Amino acid sequence: MNPYDKAYELADSLRSSSQYTEMKQVRQRIEREPGTLQMLQDFRKRQWDIQSRQWMGQTVSLTEQEQFERLTEVVARNSNVSKYLELESYFQRLLMDVNEIVGRVISEVSYEIPLPDPDVESDVESDVDSQE
């Protein structure tokens, strides 16, 4: 059994699923409406900006959060964008699940790299400190 063949089978299975077909149709409807497409792109841009700043430990102002919440409410009222985001979320969860399933198999034969305990000073750090 070739894992690549199975990966292609999985891709074909996804492509023939009702969720894929529906997402493709919703995407086509969005692309036919320039205002709707622009709304989705603006939403994505703001979502990415806020999330990336949060991941980097930067503060997002209350005003920015409120503006994004209002934009989210507007986006949710658009049935095409709302459905697209719902289906996209479904596929993201599916990919995470598949990755977890495959990851479990790989972890059976992989060495786990121990993460350092932040409360315990490592020997490497003490060696560096003592040499300075």
Protein backbone atom coordinates (compact mmCIF):
# COMPACT_ATOMS: atom_id res chain seq x y z
CA MET A 1 0.00 0.00 0.00
CA ASN A 2 1.41 3.37 -1.06
CA PRO A 3 0.54 6.25 1.31
CA TYR A 4 0.56 8.70 -1.60
CA ASP A 5 -2.11 6.67 -3.36
CA LYS A 6 -4.22 6.83 -0.20
CA ALA A 7 -3.68 10.60 0.01
CA TYR A 8 -4.95 10.97 -3.55
CA GLU A 9 -7.93 8.76 -2.67
CA LEU A 10 -8.66 11.04 0.27
CA ALA A 11 -8.45 14.08 -1.99
CA ASP A 12 -10.85 12.46 -4.46
CA SER A 13 -13.18 11.57 -1.62
CA LEU A 14 -13.19 15.18 -0.43
CA ARG A 15 -13.77 16.45 -3.95
CA SER A 16 -16.82 14.19 -4.34
CA SER A 17 -18.31 15.15 -0.96
CA SER A 18 -21.46 17.22 -0.69
CA GLN A 19 -19.60 19.80 1.42
CA TYR A 20 -17.01 20.34 -1.30
CA THR A 21 -19.69 20.69 -3.97
CA GLU A 22 -21.64 23.13 -1.86
CA MET A 23 -18.55 25.18 -1.01
CA LYS A 24 -17.64 25.39 -4.68
CA GLN A 25 -21.15 26.63 -5.53
CA VAL A 26 -21.13 29.19 -2.71
CA ARG A 27 -17.70 30.41 -3.81
CA GLN A 28 -18.99 30.90 -7.37
CA ARG A 29 -21.96 32.91 -6.07
CA ILE A 30 -19.63 35.10 -4.00
CA GLU A 31 -17.37 35.70 -7.00
CA ARG A 32 -20.35 36.86 -9.07
CA GLU A 33 -21.06 39.58 -6.49
CA PRO A 34 -18.06 41.95 -6.27
CA GLY A 35 -19.40 43.65 -3.13
CA THR A 36 -19.79 40.31 -1.35
CA LEU A 37 -16.32 39.21 -2.40
CA GLN A 38 -14.89 42.50 -1.14
CA MET A 39 -16.72 42.05 2.18
CA LEU A 40 -15.22 38.58 2.60
CA GLN A 41 -11.74 39.84 1.72
CA ASP A 42 -12.03 42.77 4.15
CA PHE A 43 -13.23 40.41 6.87
CA ARG A 44 -10.30 38.07 6.24
CA LYS A 45 -7.79 40.92 6.27
CA ARG A 46 -9.06 42.30 9.58
CA GLN A 47 -9.34 38.83 11.08
CA TRP A 48 -5.76 38.03 10.10
CA ASP A 49 -4.48 41.39 11.36
CA ILE A 50 -6.12 40.97 14.76
CA GLN A 51 -5.12 37.33 15.18
CA SER A 52 -1.52 37.86 14.12
CA ARG A 53 -1.16 40.79 16.52
CA GLN A 54 -2.61 38.71 19.35
CA TRP A 55 -0.25 35.81 18.54
CA MET A 56 2.69 38.22 18.72
CA GLY A 57 1.51 39.44 22.12
CA GLN A 58 0.43 42.85 20.87
CA THR A 59 -2.63 44.56 22.26
CA VAL A 60 -5.75 44.98 20.17
CA SER A 61 -7.64 48.05 21.26
CA LEU A 62 -11.21 47.86 22.47
CA THR A 63 -12.26 50.03 19.53
CA GLU A 64 -10.68 47.62 17.05
CA GLN A 65 -12.33 44.67 18.77
CA GLU A 66 -15.74 46.36 18.63
CA GLN A 67 -15.28 47.27 14.97
CA PHE A 68 -14.38 43.68 14.17
CA GLU A 69 -17.40 42.40 16.10
CA ARG A 70 -19.67 44.71 14.08
CA LEU A 71 -18.04 43.51 10.84
CA THR A 72 -18.56 39.92 11.97
CA GLU A 73 -22.26 40.64 12.53
CA VAL A 74 -22.56 42.14 9.03
CA VAL A 75 -20.75 39.17 7.50
CA ALA A 76 -23.00 36.73 9.38
CA ARG A 77 -26.09 38.34 7.81
CA ASN A 78 -24.82 37.55 4.32
CA SER A 79 -25.98 34.00 3.68
CA ASN A 80 -23.32 33.23 1.05
CA VAL A 81 -20.38 34.49 3.10
CA SER A 82 -21.75 32.92 6.26
CA LYS A 83 -22.19 29.54 4.55
CA TYR A 84 -18.75 29.77 2.94
CA LEU A 85 -17.10 30.44 6.32
CA GLU A 86 -19.06 27.57 7.88
CA LEU A 87 -17.91 25.15 5.18
CA GLU A 88 -14.36 26.44 5.34
CA SER A 89 -14.37 25.82 9.08
CA TYR A 90 -15.62 22.28 8.45
CA PHE A 91 -12.70 21.56 6.11
CA GLN A 92 -10.19 23.13 8.51
CA ARG A 93 -11.44 20.85 11.31
CA LEU A 94 -11.33 17.88 8.96
CA LEU A 95 -7.72 18.62 7.99
CA MET A 96 -6.73 19.01 11.64
CA ASP A 97 -8.36 15.66 12.43
CA VAL A 98 -6.59 13.93 9.53
CA ASN A 99 -3.30 15.50 10.62
CA GLU A 100 -3.87 14.24 14.16
CA ILE A 101 -4.65 10.72 12.93
CA VAL A 102 -1.52 10.60 10.78
CA GLY A 103 0.51 12.27 13.51
CA ARG A 104 -0.40 9.54 15.99
CA VAL A 105 1.04 6.92 13.64
CA ILE A 106 4.24 8.90 13.10
CA SER A 107 4.62 9.51 16.84
CA GLU A 108 4.75 5.73 17.38
CA VAL A 109 8.18 5.67 15.74
CA SER A 110 9.46 9.19 16.45
CA TYR A 111 11.52 10.39 19.37
CA GLU A 112 9.78 13.01 21.40
CA ILE A 113 11.84 16.12 21.95
CA PRO A 114 11.45 17.14 25.57
CA LEU A 115 10.54 20.76 26.05
CA PRO A 116 12.50 22.63 28.68
CA ASP A 117 10.74 23.41 31.93
CA PRO A 118 10.68 27.22 32.18
CA ASP A 119 10.90 26.98 35.99
CA VAL A 120 14.12 24.96 35.90
CA GLU A 121 17.41 26.50 34.82
CA SER A 122 19.04 24.33 32.17
CA ASP A 123 22.63 23.15 32.35
CA VAL A 124 23.35 24.90 29.04
CA GLU A 125 22.19 28.26 30.41
CA SER A 126 24.24 27.81 33.59
CA ASP A 127 27.32 26.85 31.56
CA VAL A 128 26.92 29.96 29.40
CA ASP A 129 26.34 32.18 32.43
CA SER A 130 29.41 30.79 34.23
CA GLN A 131 31.64 31.41 31.19
CA GLU A 132 30.74 35.09 31.01
